[in-house]
Amino acid sequence: DDVRRLFDEAETQLGKVDVLVNNAGILKVLPLAQHSDELFDQNFNIHARGTFNTLREAATRLNSGGRIINFSSSTVGMNLPGYAVYI
């Protein structure tokens, strides 16, 4: 519902959406054993579900020829301590 309202507001203020940029992410550096279910859910909801929800809404709203840009992180290749939930 939040994503739908965001698109509604953008269309009201600016007209049809031409570009969607997914660039949200969070990182809490902790050893895996110290991560809670809540922190895991927060990471998953922002990184995966948030991207999915905006892509799904954009699929029906973008102008013909519109573009979607999804940013990700090269952090996954670094294998740093404390990044387990982020990756």
PDB file of N, CA and C in Angstrom:
ATOM      1  N   ASP A   1       0.813  -1.208   0.000  1.00  0.00           N
ATOM      2  CA  ASP A   1       0.000   0.000   0.000  1.00  0.00           C
ATOM      3  C   ASP A   1       0.855   1.270   0.000  1.00  0.00           C
ATOM      4  N   ASP A   2       1.968   1.244   0.739  1.00  0.00           N
ATOM      5  CA  ASP A   2       2.850   2.416   0.770  1.00  0.00           C
ATOM      6  C   ASP A   2       3.436   2.699  -0.609  1.00  0.00           C
ATOM      7  N   VAL A   3       3.830   1.644  -1.301  1.00  0.00           N
ATOM      8  CA  VAL A   3       4.414   1.817  -2.636  1.00  0.00           C
ATOM      9  C   VAL A   3       3.362   2.336  -3.608  1.00  0.00           C
ATOM     10  N   ARG A   4       2.171   1.803  -3.531  1.00  0.00           N
ATOM     11  CA  ARG A   4       1.084   2.269  -4.401  1.00  0.00           C
ATOM     12  C   ARG A   4       0.811   3.753  -4.150  1.00  0.00           C
ATOM     13  N   ARG A   5       0.773   4.153  -2.883  1.00  0.00           N
ATOM     14  CA  ARG A   5       0.544   5.564  -2.552  1.00  0.00           C
ATOM     15  C   ARG A   5       1.688   6.444  -3.059  1.00  0.00           C
ATOM     16  N   LEU A   6       2.911   5.938  -2.974  1.00  0.00           N
ATOM     17  CA  LEU A   6       4.058   6.689  -3.475  1.00  0.00           C
ATOM     18  C   LEU A   6       3.935   6.936  -4.976  1.00  0.00           C
ATOM     19  N   PHE A   7       3.577   5.902  -5.718  1.00  0.00           N
ATOM     20  CA  PHE A   7       3.381   6.057  -7.163  1.00  0.00           C
ATOM     21  C   PHE A   7       2.204   6.993  -7.451  1.00  0.00           C
ATOM     22  N   ASP A   8       1.116   6.861  -6.697  1.00  0.00           N
ATOM     23  CA  ASP A   8      -0.033   7.757  -6.872  1.00  0.00           C
ATOM     24  C   ASP A   8       0.389   9.211  -6.702  1.00  0.00           C
ATOM     25  N   GLU A   9       1.147   9.479  -5.646  1.00  0.00           N
ATOM     26  CA  GLU A   9       1.587  10.848  -5.365  1.00  0.00           C
ATOM     27  C   GLU A   9       2.534  11.351  -6.453  1.00  0.00           C
ATOM     28  N   ALA A  10       3.444  10.509  -6.889  1.00  0.00           N
ATOM     29  CA  ALA A  10       4.368  10.909  -7.964  1.00  0.00           C
ATOM     30  C   ALA A  10       3.598  11.249  -9.235  1.00  0.00           C
ATOM     31  N   GLU A  11       2.612  10.420  -9.575  1.00  0.00           N
ATOM     32  CA  GLU A  11       1.821  10.682 -10.784  1.00  0.00           C
ATOM     33  C   GLU A  11       0.985  11.944 -10.642  1.00  0.00           C
ATOM     34  N   THR A  12       0.461  12.195  -9.455  1.00  0.00           N
ATOM     35  CA  THR A  12      -0.325  13.406  -9.219  1.00  0.00           C
ATOM     36  C   THR A  12       0.546  14.651  -9.365  1.00  0.00           C
ATOM     37  N   GLN A  13       1.740  14.609  -8.795  1.00  0.00           N
ATOM     38  CA  GLN A  13       2.623  15.773  -8.792  1.00  0.00           C
ATOM     39  C   GLN A  13       3.396  15.956 -10.103  1.00  0.00           C
ATOM     40  N   LEU A  14       3.780  14.828 -10.737  1.00  0.00           N
ATOM     41  CA  LEU A  14       4.730  14.914 -11.846  1.00  0.00           C
ATOM     42  C   LEU A  14       4.270  14.285 -13.151  1.00  0.00           C
ATOM     43  N   GLY A  15       3.168  13.554 -13.122  1.00  0.00           N
ATOM     44  CA  GLY A  15       2.729  12.832 -14.313  1.00  0.00           C
ATOM     45  C   GLY A  15       3.257  11.410 -14.305  1.00  0.00           C
ATOM     46  N   LYS A  16       3.084  10.718 -15.428  1.00  0.00           N
ATOM     47  CA  LYS A  16       3.488   9.316 -15.538  1.00  0.00           C
ATOM     48  C   LYS A  16       4.958   9.130 -15.164  1.00  0.00           C
ATOM     49  N   VAL A  17       5.256   8.020 -14.524  1.00  0.00           N
ATOM     50  CA  VAL A  17       6.623   7.720 -14.100  1.00  0.00           C
ATOM     51  C   VAL A  17       7.432   7.216 -15.298  1.00  0.00           C
ATOM     52  N   ASP A  18       8.615   7.793 -15.489  1.00  0.00           N
ATOM     53  CA  ASP A  18       9.507   7.399 -16.578  1.00  0.00           C
ATOM     54  C   ASP A  18      10.619   6.467 -16.111  1.00  0.00           C
ATOM     55  N   VAL A  19      11.056   6.648 -14.861  1.00  0.00           N
ATOM     56  CA  VAL A  19      12.205   5.903 -14.353  1.00  0.00           C
ATOM     57  C   VAL A  19      11.954   5.488 -12.911  1.00  0.00           C
ATOM     58  N   LEU A  20      12.299   4.245 -12.608  1.00  0.00           N
ATOM     59  CA  LEU A  20      12.319   3.762 -11.228  1.00  0.00           C
ATOM     60  C   LEU A  20      13.764   3.448 -10.886  1.00  0.00           C
ATOM     61  N   VAL A  21      14.248   3.989  -9.768  1.00  0.00           N
ATOM     62  CA  VAL A  21      15.591   3.678  -9.279  1.00  0.00           C
ATOM     63  C   VAL A  21      15.451   3.031  -7.908  1.00  0.00           C
ATOM     64  N   ASN A  22      15.877   1.783  -7.806  1.00  0.00           N
ATOM     65  CA  ASN A  22      15.915   1.089  -6.518  1.00  0.00           C
ATOM     66  C   ASN A  22      17.330   1.200  -5.971  1.00  0.00           C
ATOM     67  N   ASN A  23      17.464   1.942  -4.872  1.00  0.00           N
ATOM     68  CA  ASN A  23      18.794   2.188  -4.314  1.00  0.00           C
ATOM     69  C   ASN A  23      18.747   2.201  -2.790  1.00  0.00           C
ATOM     70  N   ALA A  24      17.871   1.415  -2.198  1.00  0.00           N
ATOM     71  CA  ALA A  24      17.757   1.384  -0.739  1.00  0.00           C
ATOM     72  C   ALA A  24      18.560   0.228  -0.182  1.00  0.00           C
ATOM     73  N   GLY A  25      19.140   0.440   0.966  1.00  0.00           N
ATOM     74  CA  GLY A  25      19.860  -0.626   1.637  1.00  0.00           C
ATOM     75  C   GLY A  25      20.251  -0.202   3.042  1.00  0.00           C
ATOM     76  N   ILE A  26      20.391  -1.181   3.900  1.00  0.00           N
ATOM     77  CA  ILE A  26      20.843  -0.927   5.263  1.00  0.00           C
ATOM     78  C   ILE A  26      21.931  -1.938   5.589  1.00  0.00           C
ATOM     79  N   LEU A  27      22.738  -1.610   6.569  1.00  0.00           N
ATOM     80  CA  LEU A  27      23.799  -2.520   6.985  1.00  0.00           C
ATOM     81  C   LEU A  27      24.040  -2.345   8.473  1.00  0.00           C
ATOM     82  N   LYS A  28      23.877  -3.391   9.217  1.00  0.00           N
ATOM     83  CA  LYS A  28      24.212  -3.429  10.642  1.00  0.00           C
ATOM     84  C   LYS A  28      25.296  -4.490  10.779  1.00  0.00           C
ATOM     85  N   VAL A  29      26.511  -4.077  11.070  1.00  0.00           N
ATOM     86  CA  VAL A  29      27.639  -5.004  11.145  1.00  0.00           C
ATOM     87  C   VAL A  29      27.680  -5.637  12.535  1.00  0.00           C
ATOM     88  N   LEU A  30      27.384  -6.923  12.573  1.00  0.00           N
ATOM     89  CA  LEU A  30      27.400  -7.710  13.814  1.00  0.00           C
ATOM     90  C   LEU A  30      27.780  -9.138  13.478  1.00  0.00           C
ATOM     91  N   PRO A  31      28.374  -9.848  14.427  1.00  0.00           N
ATOM     92  CA  PRO A  31      28.544 -11.286  14.210  1.00  0.00           C
ATOM     93  C   PRO A  31      27.179 -11.940  14.010  1.00  0.00           C
ATOM     94  N   LEU A  32      27.126 -12.936  13.166  1.00  0.00           N
ATOM     95  CA  LEU A  32      25.857 -13.595  12.840  1.00  0.00           C
ATOM     96  C   LEU A  32      25.096 -14.036  14.086  1.00  0.00           C
ATOM     97  N   ALA A  33      25.793 -14.565  15.068  1.00  0.00           N
ATOM     98  CA  ALA A  33      25.142 -15.067  16.285  1.00  0.00           C
ATOM     99  C   ALA A  33      24.435 -13.966  17.065  1.00  0.00           C
ATOM    100  N   GLN A  34      24.773 -12.711  16.831  1.00  0.00           N
ATOM    101  CA  GLN A  34      24.149 -11.597  17.548  1.00  0.00           C
ATOM    102  C   GLN A  34      22.967 -10.981  16.798  1.00  0.00           C
ATOM    103  N   HIS A  35      22.713 -11.421  15.594  1.00  0.00           N
ATOM    104  CA  HIS A  35      21.592 -10.882  14.824  1.00  0.00           C
ATOM    105  C   HIS A  35      20.283 -11.473  15.315  1.00  0.00           C
ATOM    106  N   SER A  36      19.281 -10.641  15.423  1.00  0.00           N
ATOM    107  CA  SER A  36      17.948 -11.084  15.841  1.00  0.00           C
ATOM    108  C   SER A  36      17.093 -11.381  14.611  1.00  0.00           C
ATOM    109  N   ASP A  37      15.984 -12.065  14.841  1.00  0.00           N
ATOM    110  CA  ASP A  37      15.018 -12.280  13.762  1.00  0.00           C
ATOM    111  C   ASP A  37      14.501 -10.947  13.239  1.00  0.00           C
ATOM    112  N   GLU A  38      14.311  -9.990  14.136  1.00  0.00           N
ATOM    113  CA  GLU A  38      13.807  -8.677  13.732  1.00  0.00           C
ATOM    114  C   GLU A  38      14.784  -7.973  12.793  1.00  0.00           C
ATOM    115  N   LEU A  39      16.073  -8.061  13.105  1.00  0.00           N
ATOM    116  CA  LEU A  39      17.064  -7.424  12.241  1.00  0.00           C
ATOM    117  C   LEU A  39      17.139  -8.125  10.888  1.00  0.00           C
ATOM    118  N   PHE A  40      17.051  -9.446  10.900  1.00  0.00           N
ATOM    119  CA  PHE A  40      17.018 -10.182   9.637  1.00  0.00           C
ATOM    120  C   PHE A  40      15.809  -9.756   8.809  1.00  0.00           C
ATOM    121  N   ASP A  41      14.631  -9.696   9.445  1.00  0.00           N
ATOM    122  CA  ASP A  41      13.411  -9.289   8.739  1.00  0.00           C
ATOM    123  C   ASP A  41      13.546  -7.882   8.176  1.00  0.00           C
ATOM    124  N   GLN A  42      14.140  -6.976   8.950  1.00  0.00           N
ATOM    125  CA  GLN A  42      14.325  -5.604   8.477  1.00  0.00           C
ATOM    126  C   GLN A  42      15.214  -5.585   7.232  1.00  0.00           C
ATOM    127  N   ASN A  43      16.315  -6.311   7.273  1.00  0.00           N
ATOM    128  CA  ASN A  43      17.204  -6.392   6.110  1.00  0.00           C
ATOM    129  C   ASN A  43      16.477  -6.966   4.906  1.00  0.00           C
ATOM    130  N   PHE A  44      15.798  -8.085   5.101  1.00  0.00           N
ATOM    131  CA  PHE A  44      15.096  -8.734   3.997  1.00  0.00           C
ATOM    132  C   PHE A  44      14.009  -7.827   3.430  1.00  0.00           C
ATOM    133  N   ASN A  45      13.255  -7.174   4.311  1.00  0.00           N
ATOM    134  CA  ASN A  45      12.165  -6.317   3.854  1.00  0.00           C
ATOM    135  C   ASN A  45      12.662  -5.143   3.025  1.00  0.00           C
ATOM    136  N   ILE A  46      13.792  -4.577   3.390  1.00  0.00           N
ATOM    137  CA  ILE A  46      14.323  -3.448   2.628  1.00  0.00           C
ATOM    138  C   ILE A  46      15.007  -3.916   1.351  1.00  0.00           C
ATOM    139  N   HIS A  47      15.890  -4.894   1.463  1.00  0.00           N
ATOM    140  CA  HIS A  47      16.687  -5.313   0.305  1.00  0.00           C
ATOM    141  C   HIS A  47      15.881  -6.098  -0.727  1.00  0.00           C
ATOM    142  N   ALA A  48      15.094  -7.049  -0.292  1.00  0.00           N
ATOM    143  CA  ALA A  48      14.385  -7.925  -1.240  1.00  0.00           C
ATOM    144  C   ALA A  48      12.935  -7.507  -1.451  1.00  0.00           C
ATOM    145  N   ARG A  49      12.178  -7.439  -0.377  1.00  0.00           N
ATOM    146  CA  ARG A  49      10.752  -7.136  -0.516  1.00  0.00           C
ATOM    147  C   ARG A  49      10.526  -5.722  -1.046  1.00  0.00           C
ATOM    148  N   GLY A  50      11.308  -4.768  -0.586  1.00  0.00           N
ATOM    149  CA  GLY A  50      11.159  -3.398  -1.075  1.00  0.00           C
ATOM    150  C   GLY A  50      11.409  -3.296  -2.568  1.00  0.00           C
ATOM    151  N   THR A  51      12.458  -3.955  -3.021  1.00  0.00           N
ATOM    152  CA  THR A  51      12.751  -3.973  -4.454  1.00  0.00           C
ATOM    153  C   THR A  51      11.624  -4.646  -5.223  1.00  0.00           C
ATOM    154  N   PHE A  52      11.181  -5.799  -4.742  1.00  0.00           N
ATOM    155  CA  PHE A  52      10.087  -6.518  -5.401  1.00  0.00           C
ATOM    156  C   PHE A  52       8.828  -5.654  -5.481  1.00  0.00           C
ATOM    157  N   ASN A  53       8.458  -5.020  -4.385  1.00  0.00           N
ATOM    158  CA  ASN A  53       7.226  -4.221  -4.364  1.00  0.00           C
ATOM    159  C   ASN A  53       7.279  -3.047  -5.334  1.00  0.00           C
ATOM    160  N   THR A  54       8.423  -2.378  -5.423  1.00  0.00           N
ATOM    161  CA  THR A  54       8.510  -1.253  -6.357  1.00  0.00           C
ATOM    162  C   THR A  54       8.553  -1.736  -7.803  1.00  0.00           C
ATOM    163  N   LEU A  55       9.230  -2.868  -8.045  1.00  0.00           N
ATOM    164  CA  LEU A  55       9.239  -3.426  -9.406  1.00  0.00           C
ATOM    165  C   LEU A  55       7.839  -3.834  -9.843  1.00  0.00           C
ATOM    166  N   ARG A  56       7.109  -4.465  -8.952  1.00  0.00           N
ATOM    167  CA  ARG A  56       5.752  -4.915  -9.284  1.00  0.00           C
ATOM    168  C   ARG A  56       4.852  -3.726  -9.618  1.00  0.00           C
ATOM    169  N   GLU A  57       4.925  -2.682  -8.825  1.00  0.00           N
ATOM    170  CA  GLU A  57       4.095  -1.501  -9.084  1.00  0.00           C
ATOM    171  C   GLU A  57       4.528  -0.808 -10.372  1.00  0.00           C
ATOM    172  N   ALA A  58       5.827  -0.700 -10.576  1.00  0.00           N
ATOM    173  CA  ALA A  58       6.336  -0.053 -11.789  1.00  0.00           C
ATOM    174  C   ALA A  58       5.933  -0.814 -13.043  1.00  0.00           C
ATOM    175  N   ALA A  59       5.779  -2.117 -12.938  1.00  0.00           N
ATOM    176  CA  ALA A  59       5.421  -2.938 -14.103  1.00  0.00           C
ATOM    177  C   ALA A  59       4.100  -2.500 -14.725  1.00  0.00           C
ATOM    178  N   THR A  60       3.230  -1.903 -13.941  1.00  0.00           N
ATOM    179  CA  THR A  60       1.934  -1.458 -14.465  1.00  0.00           C
ATOM    180  C   THR A  60       1.851   0.056 -14.621  1.00  0.00           C
ATOM    181  N   ARG A  61       2.890   0.777 -14.208  1.00  0.00           N
ATOM    182  CA  ARG A  61       2.784   2.228 -14.175  1.00  0.00           C
ATOM    183  C   ARG A  61       3.770   2.969 -15.057  1.00  0.00           C
ATOM    184  N   LEU A  62       4.882   2.367 -15.393  1.00  0.00           N
ATOM    185  CA  LEU A  62       5.895   3.091 -16.166  1.00  0.00           C
ATOM    186  C   LEU A  62       5.380   3.448 -17.551  1.00  0.00           C
ATOM    187  N   ASN A  63       5.806   4.615 -18.027  1.00  0.00           N
ATOM    188  CA  ASN A  63       5.548   4.999 -19.406  1.00  0.00           C
ATOM    189  C   ASN A  63       6.113   3.947 -20.342  1.00  0.00           C
ATOM    190  N   SER A  64       5.538   3.842 -21.514  1.00  0.00           N
ATOM    191  CA  SER A  64       6.119   2.988 -22.547  1.00  0.00           C
ATOM    192  C   SER A  64       7.546   3.467 -22.795  1.00  0.00           C
ATOM    193  N   GLY A  65       8.479   2.563 -22.770  1.00  0.00           N
ATOM    194  CA  GLY A  65       9.878   2.950 -22.919  1.00  0.00           C
ATOM    195  C   GLY A  65      10.524   3.384 -21.620  1.00  0.00           C
ATOM    196  N   GLY A  66       9.778   3.281 -20.507  1.00  0.00           N
ATOM    197  CA  GLY A  66      10.334   3.634 -19.202  1.00  0.00           C
ATOM    198  C   GLY A  66      11.489   2.718 -18.827  1.00  0.00           C
ATOM    199  N   ARG A  67      12.242   3.130 -17.850  1.00  0.00           N
ATOM    200  CA  ARG A  67      13.432   2.384 -17.449  1.00  0.00           C
ATOM    201  C   ARG A  67      13.407   2.078 -15.954  1.00  0.00           C
ATOM    202  N   ILE A  68      14.005   0.936 -15.610  1.00  0.00           N
ATOM    203  CA  ILE A  68      14.177   0.536 -14.216  1.00  0.00           C
ATOM    204  C   ILE A  68      15.664   0.343 -13.974  1.00  0.00           C
ATOM    205  N   ILE A  69      16.163   0.955 -12.912  1.00  0.00           N
ATOM    206  CA  ILE A  69      17.566   0.823 -12.529  1.00  0.00           C
ATOM    207  C   ILE A  69      17.603   0.249 -11.120  1.00  0.00           C
ATOM    208  N   ASN A  70      18.216  -0.921 -10.972  1.00  0.00           N
ATOM    209  CA  ASN A  70      18.380  -1.558  -9.667  1.00  0.00           C
ATOM    210  C   ASN A  70      19.853  -1.511  -9.285  1.00  0.00           C
ATOM    211  N   PHE A  71      20.146  -0.868  -8.177  1.00  0.00           N
ATOM    212  CA  PHE A  71      21.511  -0.857  -7.663  1.00  0.00           C
ATOM    213  C   PHE A  71      21.681  -2.011  -6.694  1.00  0.00           C
ATOM    214  N   SER A  72      22.864  -2.563  -6.676  1.00  0.00           N
ATOM    215  CA  SER A  72      23.210  -3.573  -5.681  1.00  0.00           C
ATOM    216  C   SER A  72      24.585  -3.210  -5.127  1.00  0.00           C
ATOM    217  N   SER A  73      25.163  -4.111  -4.392  1.00  0.00           N
ATOM    218  CA  SER A  73      26.426  -3.815  -3.740  1.00  0.00           C
ATOM    219  C   SER A  73      27.476  -4.858  -4.093  1.00  0.00           C
ATOM    220  N   SER A  74      28.697  -4.410  -4.218  1.00  0.00           N
ATOM    221  CA  SER A  74      29.800  -5.348  -4.435  1.00  0.00           C
ATOM    222  C   SER A  74      30.288  -5.945  -3.117  1.00  0.00           C
ATOM    223  N   THR A  75      29.635  -5.580  -2.032  1.00  0.00           N
ATOM    224  CA  THR A  75      30.015  -6.074  -0.711  1.00  0.00           C
ATOM    225  C   THR A  75      30.002  -7.591  -0.639  1.00  0.00           C
ATOM    226  N   VAL A  76      29.105  -8.224  -1.376  1.00  0.00           N
ATOM    227  CA  VAL A  76      29.000  -9.687  -1.319  1.00  0.00           C
ATOM    228  C   VAL A  76      30.309 -10.365  -1.702  1.00  0.00           C
ATOM    229  N   GLY A  77      31.089  -9.769  -2.551  1.00  0.00           N
ATOM    230  CA  GLY A  77      32.349 -10.354  -2.966  1.00  0.00           C
ATOM    231  C   GLY A  77      33.489 -10.113  -1.991  1.00  0.00           C
ATOM    232  N   MET A  78      33.255  -9.305  -0.977  1.00  0.00           N
ATOM    233  CA  MET A  78      34.324  -8.947  -0.055  1.00  0.00           C
ATOM    234  C   MET A  78      34.445  -9.911   1.125  1.00  0.00           C
ATOM    235  N   ASN A  79      33.368 -10.624   1.453  1.00  0.00           N
ATOM    236  CA  ASN A  79      33.389 -11.607   2.536  1.00  0.00           C
ATOM    237  C   ASN A  79      33.930 -11.018   3.839  1.00  0.00           C
ATOM    238  N   LEU A  80      33.376  -9.900   4.258  1.00  0.00           N
ATOM    239  CA  LEU A  80      33.844  -9.215   5.459  1.00  0.00           C
ATOM    240  C   LEU A  80      33.161  -9.754   6.710  1.00  0.00           C
ATOM    241  N   PRO A  81      33.861  -9.769   7.834  1.00  0.00           N
ATOM    242  CA  PRO A  81      33.247 -10.231   9.078  1.00  0.00           C
ATOM    243  C   PRO A  81      32.085  -9.324   9.474  1.00  0.00           C
ATOM    244  N   GLY A  82      31.016  -9.919   9.979  1.00  0.00           N
ATOM    245  CA  GLY A  82      29.875  -9.155  10.456  1.00  0.00           C
ATOM    246  C   GLY A  82      28.864  -8.787   9.393  1.00  0.00           C
ATOM    247  N   TYR A  83      29.084  -9.205   8.148  1.00  0.00           N
ATOM    248  CA  TYR A  83      28.195  -8.834   7.054  1.00  0.00           C
ATOM    249  C   TYR A  83      27.216  -9.940   6.665  1.00  0.00           C
ATOM    250  N   ALA A  84      27.135 -11.011   7.423  1.00  0.00           N
ATOM    251  CA  ALA A  84      26.371 -12.203   7.027  1.00  0.00           C
ATOM    252  C   ALA A  84      24.917 -11.902   6.685  1.00  0.00           C
ATOM    253  N   VAL A  85      24.229 -11.137   7.509  1.00  0.00           N
ATOM    254  CA  VAL A  85      22.812 -10.865   7.253  1.00  0.00           C
ATOM    255  C   VAL A  85      22.648  -9.919   6.069  1.00  0.00           C
ATOM    256  N   TYR A  86      23.580  -9.013   5.876  1.00  0.00           N
ATOM    257  CA  TYR A  86      23.520  -8.079   4.751  1.00  0.00           C
ATOM    258  C   TYR A  86      23.615  -8.821   3.428  1.00  0.00           C
ATOM    259  N   ILE A  87      24.477  -9.811   3.390  1.00  0.00           N
ATOM    260  CA  ILE A  87      24.709 -10.562   2.170  1.00  0.00           C
ATOM    261  C   ILE A  87      23.582 -11.520   1.952  1.00  0.00           C
TER     262      ILE A  87
END
